[in-house]
Amino acid sequence: MKFTIENDNNIIVFTIKENSIGTELAPELKAKILIEAQPNIKGMIFDLSSVESMDSSGLGALLLANRILRDFSIPVIIVNAGIFVMNLMQMTQINQLFEFYTSIDEAKSELLKQISEN
């Protein structure tokens, strides 16, 4: 799977560089999520700007991040989700589990603002 992982002051940014996240790619993504989803991070951001489609295993990877981090009140943020991905999340009603932003910088800024307020 083509993606990058950046750790910017304990904000983890996954930039997915595939046009589809399906059964052949999701296991590797899940493995990396398990490594990065630690209780000391401030947030996890998924940049989906290249992702045009996703199936249930791709959604499962995002849900895994949410499931691990919600017990620590650490947000999972989706950035640049396309129409197909947004529609899929709305149909399955998992969009309520994530925060959505249009850029990584905006997501980081809002995340840092939330942290400073708490």
C-alpha atoms as a PDB file:
ATOM      1  CA  MET A   1       0.000   0.000   0.000  1.00  0.00           C
ATOM      2  CA  LYS A   2       1.244   3.447  -0.805  1.00  0.00           C
ATOM      3  CA  PHE A   3       0.945   5.828   2.120  1.00  0.00           C
ATOM      4  CA  THR A   4       3.081   7.992   4.317  1.00  0.00           C
ATOM      5  CA  ILE A   5       2.979   8.385   8.057  1.00  0.00           C
ATOM      6  CA  GLU A   6       4.110  11.633   9.615  1.00  0.00           C
ATOM      7  CA  ASN A   7       4.404  12.330  13.319  1.00  0.00           C
ATOM      8  CA  ASP A   8       4.167  16.081  13.894  1.00  0.00           C
ATOM      9  CA  ASN A   9       4.392  16.741  17.651  1.00  0.00           C
ATOM     10  CA  ASN A  10       2.405  13.566  18.398  1.00  0.00           C
ATOM     11  CA  ILE A  11      -0.207  14.264  15.748  1.00  0.00           C
ATOM     12  CA  ILE A  12      -0.119  11.253  13.427  1.00  0.00           C
ATOM     13  CA  VAL A  13      -0.937  11.957   9.770  1.00  0.00           C
ATOM     14  CA  PHE A  14      -1.631   9.063   7.413  1.00  0.00           C
ATOM     15  CA  THR A  15      -1.589  10.271   3.808  1.00  0.00           C
ATOM     16  CA  ILE A  16      -3.126   7.526   1.673  1.00  0.00           C
ATOM     17  CA  LYS A  17      -1.705   7.531  -1.858  1.00  0.00           C
ATOM     18  CA  GLU A  18      -4.036   4.935  -3.373  1.00  0.00           C
ATOM     19  CA  ASN A  19      -7.239   5.562  -5.294  1.00  0.00           C
ATOM     20  CA  SER A  20      -9.022   2.706  -3.520  1.00  0.00           C
ATOM     21  CA  ILE A  21      -8.865   1.097  -0.091  1.00  0.00           C
ATOM     22  CA  GLY A  22     -10.191  -2.445  -0.263  1.00  0.00           C
ATOM     23  CA  THR A  23      -9.575  -5.955   0.999  1.00  0.00           C
ATOM     24  CA  GLU A  24      -6.087  -6.168  -0.491  1.00  0.00           C
ATOM     25  CA  LEU A  25      -4.845  -2.928   1.110  1.00  0.00           C
ATOM     26  CA  ALA A  26      -6.735  -2.662   4.395  1.00  0.00           C
ATOM     27  CA  PRO A  27      -4.706  -5.267   6.365  1.00  0.00           C
ATOM     28  CA  GLU A  28      -1.464  -3.327   5.906  1.00  0.00           C
ATOM     29  CA  LEU A  29      -3.193  -0.088   6.863  1.00  0.00           C
ATOM     30  CA  LYS A  30      -4.659  -1.740   9.971  1.00  0.00           C
ATOM     31  CA  ALA A  31      -1.223  -3.040  10.974  1.00  0.00           C
ATOM     32  CA  LYS A  32       0.245   0.469  10.755  1.00  0.00           C
ATOM     33  CA  ILE A  33      -2.695   1.917  12.680  1.00  0.00           C
ATOM     34  CA  LEU A  34      -2.088  -0.577  15.484  1.00  0.00           C
ATOM     35  CA  ILE A  35       1.524   0.594  15.711  1.00  0.00           C
ATOM     36  CA  GLU A  36       0.745   4.329  15.658  1.00  0.00           C
ATOM     37  CA  ALA A  37      -2.472   4.445  17.751  1.00  0.00           C
ATOM     38  CA  GLN A  38      -0.841   4.957  21.134  1.00  0.00           C
ATOM     39  CA  PRO A  39      -2.341   6.714  24.175  1.00  0.00           C
ATOM     40  CA  ASN A  40       0.315   9.454  24.108  1.00  0.00           C
ATOM     41  CA  ILE A  41      -0.668  10.904  20.715  1.00  0.00           C
ATOM     42  CA  LYS A  42      -2.841  14.015  20.375  1.00  0.00           C
ATOM     43  CA  GLY A  43      -4.797  12.908  17.326  1.00  0.00           C
ATOM     44  CA  MET A  44      -4.773  10.779  14.190  1.00  0.00           C
ATOM     45  CA  ILE A  45      -5.470  12.350  10.812  1.00  0.00           C
ATOM     46  CA  PHE A  46      -6.249  10.438   7.621  1.00  0.00           C
ATOM     47  CA  ASP A  47      -5.703  12.409   4.407  1.00  0.00           C
ATOM     48  CA  LEU A  48      -7.959  10.732   1.842  1.00  0.00           C
ATOM     49  CA  SER A  49      -7.464  13.224  -0.994  1.00  0.00           C
ATOM     50  CA  SER A  50      -6.282  10.471  -3.389  1.00  0.00           C
ATOM     51  CA  VAL A  51      -8.925   7.930  -2.345  1.00  0.00           C
ATOM     52  CA  GLU A  52     -11.794   7.666  -4.815  1.00  0.00           C
ATOM     53  CA  SER A  53     -13.401   4.502  -3.443  1.00  0.00           C
ATOM     54  CA  MET A  54     -13.434   2.344  -0.354  1.00  0.00           C
ATOM     55  CA  ASP A  55     -15.140  -0.861   0.689  1.00  0.00           C
ATOM     56  CA  SER A  56     -16.117  -2.225   4.090  1.00  0.00           C
ATOM     57  CA  SER A  57     -12.552  -3.329   4.862  1.00  0.00           C
ATOM     58  CA  GLY A  58     -11.338   0.222   4.272  1.00  0.00           C
ATOM     59  CA  LEU A  59     -14.036   1.519   6.587  1.00  0.00           C
ATOM     60  CA  GLY A  60     -12.950  -1.165   9.043  1.00  0.00           C
ATOM     61  CA  ALA A  61      -9.437   0.285   9.121  1.00  0.00           C
ATOM     62  CA  LEU A  62     -10.777   3.724  10.020  1.00  0.00           C
ATOM     63  CA  LEU A  63     -13.086   2.184  12.609  1.00  0.00           C
ATOM     64  CA  LEU A  64     -10.126   0.350  14.135  1.00  0.00           C
ATOM     65  CA  ALA A  65      -8.360   3.674  14.717  1.00  0.00           C
ATOM     66  CA  ASN A  66     -11.522   5.085  16.287  1.00  0.00           C
ATOM     67  CA  ARG A  67     -12.049   2.034  18.489  1.00  0.00           C
ATOM     68  CA  ILE A  68      -8.482   2.120  19.842  1.00  0.00           C
ATOM     69  CA  LEU A  69      -8.295   5.878  20.423  1.00  0.00           C
ATOM     70  CA  ARG A  70     -11.783   6.721  21.702  1.00  0.00           C
ATOM     71  CA  ASP A  71     -11.029   5.236  25.145  1.00  0.00           C
ATOM     72  CA  PHE A  72      -8.289   7.874  25.462  1.00  0.00           C
ATOM     73  CA  SER A  73     -10.501  10.675  24.048  1.00  0.00           C
ATOM     74  CA  ILE A  74      -8.103  11.051  21.108  1.00  0.00           C
ATOM     75  CA  PRO A  75      -9.853  12.232  17.930  1.00  0.00           C
ATOM     76  CA  VAL A  76      -9.635  10.514  14.564  1.00  0.00           C
ATOM     77  CA  ILE A  77      -9.892  13.105  11.817  1.00  0.00           C
ATOM     78  CA  ILE A  78     -10.679  12.627   8.127  1.00  0.00           C
ATOM     79  CA  VAL A  79      -9.287  15.183   5.677  1.00  0.00           C
ATOM     80  CA  ASN A  80     -10.217  15.658   2.014  1.00  0.00           C
ATOM     81  CA  ALA A  81     -12.766  12.839   1.826  1.00  0.00           C
ATOM     82  CA  GLY A  82     -14.262  12.574  -1.643  1.00  0.00           C
ATOM     83  CA  ILE A  83     -17.935  12.279  -2.527  1.00  0.00           C
ATOM     84  CA  PHE A  84     -17.936   8.472  -2.730  1.00  0.00           C
ATOM     85  CA  VAL A  85     -16.227   8.057   0.650  1.00  0.00           C
ATOM     86  CA  MET A  86     -18.468  10.660   2.312  1.00  0.00           C
ATOM     87  CA  ASN A  87     -21.608   9.021   0.894  1.00  0.00           C
ATOM     88  CA  LEU A  88     -20.422   5.611   2.092  1.00  0.00           C
ATOM     89  CA  MET A  89     -19.761   6.952   5.584  1.00  0.00           C
ATOM     90  CA  GLN A  90     -23.147   8.659   5.693  1.00  0.00           C
ATOM     91  CA  MET A  91     -24.977   5.534   4.471  1.00  0.00           C
ATOM     92  CA  THR A  92     -23.295   3.412   7.142  1.00  0.00           C
ATOM     93  CA  GLN A  93     -23.708   6.223   9.698  1.00  0.00           C
ATOM     94  CA  ILE A  94     -20.080   6.049  10.789  1.00  0.00           C
ATOM     95  CA  ASN A  95     -19.502   9.659   9.771  1.00  0.00           C
ATOM     96  CA  GLN A  96     -20.662  10.601  13.282  1.00  0.00           C
ATOM     97  CA  LEU A  97     -17.540   8.972  14.749  1.00  0.00           C
ATOM     98  CA  PHE A  98     -15.063  11.253  12.993  1.00  0.00           C
ATOM     99  CA  GLU A  99     -14.234  14.907  12.574  1.00  0.00           C
ATOM    100  CA  PHE A 100     -13.930  16.165   8.982  1.00  0.00           C
ATOM    101  CA  TYR A 101     -11.760  18.967   7.605  1.00  0.00           C
ATOM    102  CA  THR A 102     -10.697  20.179   4.179  1.00  0.00           C
ATOM    103  CA  SER A 103      -6.950  20.409   4.867  1.00  0.00           C
ATOM    104  CA  ILE A 104      -4.331  18.905   7.129  1.00  0.00           C
ATOM    105  CA  ASP A 105      -3.343  22.358   8.386  1.00  0.00           C
ATOM    106  CA  GLU A 106      -6.952  23.147   9.324  1.00  0.00           C
ATOM    107  CA  ALA A 107      -7.274  19.793  11.114  1.00  0.00           C
ATOM    108  CA  LYS A 108      -4.046  20.323  13.052  1.00  0.00           C
ATOM    109  CA  SER A 109      -5.041  23.855  13.999  1.00  0.00           C
ATOM    110  CA  GLU A 110      -8.470  22.772  15.277  1.00  0.00           C
ATOM    111  CA  LEU A 111      -6.942  19.830  17.123  1.00  0.00           C
ATOM    112  CA  LEU A 112      -4.405  22.039  18.883  1.00  0.00           C
ATOM    113  CA  LYS A 113      -7.175  24.507  19.770  1.00  0.00           C
ATOM    114  CA  GLN A 114      -9.228  21.684  21.321  1.00  0.00           C
ATOM    115  CA  ILE A 115      -6.222  20.489  23.314  1.00  0.00           C
ATOM    116  CA  SER A 116      -5.457  23.957  24.653  1.00  0.00           C
ATOM    117  CA  GLU A 117      -9.098  24.390  25.749  1.00  0.00           C
ATOM    118  CA  ASN A 118      -8.965  21.192  27.808  1.00  0.00           C
END
